[in-house]
Protein backbone atom coordinates (compact mmCIF):
# COMPACT_ATOMS: atom_id res chain seq x y z
CA MET A 1 -12.94 -11.89 -12.53
CA SER A 2 -10.58 -8.66 -13.93
CA SER A 3 -11.65 -5.20 -12.81
CA VAL A 4 -11.95 -4.22 -16.38
CA LYS A 5 -14.48 -6.95 -16.86
CA LEU A 6 -16.29 -6.02 -13.88
CA ALA A 7 -16.56 -2.67 -15.21
CA THR A 8 -17.55 -4.04 -18.34
CA LEU A 9 -20.49 -6.28 -16.96
CA PHE A 10 -21.56 -3.66 -14.53
CA ALA A 11 -22.11 -1.13 -17.44
CA GLU A 12 -24.08 -3.86 -19.40
CA LYS A 13 -26.07 -4.41 -16.28
CA LEU A 14 -27.53 -0.58 -16.47
CA PRO A 15 -30.90 -0.04 -17.61
CA PRO A 16 -30.91 2.29 -20.78
CA GLN A 17 -31.57 6.01 -20.21
CA ARG A 18 -32.98 8.39 -23.54
CA ALA A 19 -30.56 10.57 -24.79
CA VAL A 20 -27.58 9.88 -21.78
CA PRO A 21 -23.93 8.37 -22.66
CA LYS A 22 -22.95 5.55 -21.04
CA PRO A 23 -21.02 6.32 -17.64
CA TYR A 24 -17.27 5.85 -17.43
CA ILE A 25 -17.05 3.15 -15.14
CA THR A 26 -13.96 2.06 -13.14
CA CYS A 27 -13.16 -0.89 -10.44
CA PRO A 28 -10.06 -0.50 -8.53
CA GLU A 29 -8.99 -3.93 -8.02
CA ASP A 30 -10.05 -7.91 -9.51
CA LEU A 31 -12.94 -9.55 -7.82
CA ALA A 32 -11.90 -13.24 -6.51
CA ALA A 33 -14.70 -15.96 -7.93
CA LYS A 34 -15.39 -16.89 -3.81
CA VAL A 35 -18.44 -15.98 -2.49
CA GLY A 36 -18.55 -13.17 -0.10
CA THR A 37 -16.13 -11.50 -1.83
CA THR A 38 -16.52 -7.60 -2.78
CA THR A 39 -15.31 -4.52 -4.45
CA ARG A 40 -16.74 -1.09 -4.81
CA CYS A 41 -16.71 0.77 -8.19
CA LYS A 42 -17.56 3.89 -9.24
CA LEU A 43 -19.56 5.53 -12.15
CA THR A 44 -18.73 8.58 -13.46
CA THR A 45 -20.83 10.81 -15.40
CA ASP A 46 -20.40 13.41 -17.94
CA ASP A 47 -20.95 16.05 -15.83
CA GLY A 48 -18.46 14.51 -13.34
CA SER A 49 -20.91 13.64 -10.67
CA THR A 50 -19.99 9.86 -9.04
CA LEU A 51 -21.57 7.29 -7.59
CA GLY A 52 -20.55 4.19 -6.10
CA ALA A 53 -21.50 0.80 -6.36
CA ALA A 54 -21.05 -2.27 -4.11
CA MET A 55 -20.20 -5.63 -6.54
CA GLY A 56 -19.86 -9.27 -5.18
CA ALA A 57 -19.21 -12.54 -6.30
CA ARG A 58 -22.18 -15.12 -6.31
CA LEU A 59 -22.25 -18.65 -7.50
CA HIS A 60 -24.59 -19.83 -9.83
């Protein structure tokens, strides 16, 4: 999965917050479609705060 699509998917899965704009999310690399692969994405809020999140591949 491309890093752009991964960031978009991450943003869509966040629970909605009242009166809070969507955060800016970046993922540094594509995620291979192989079980066990991971990457860390970064979420940045309007005030500049950041939070990291691990994203992993799984098969359905």
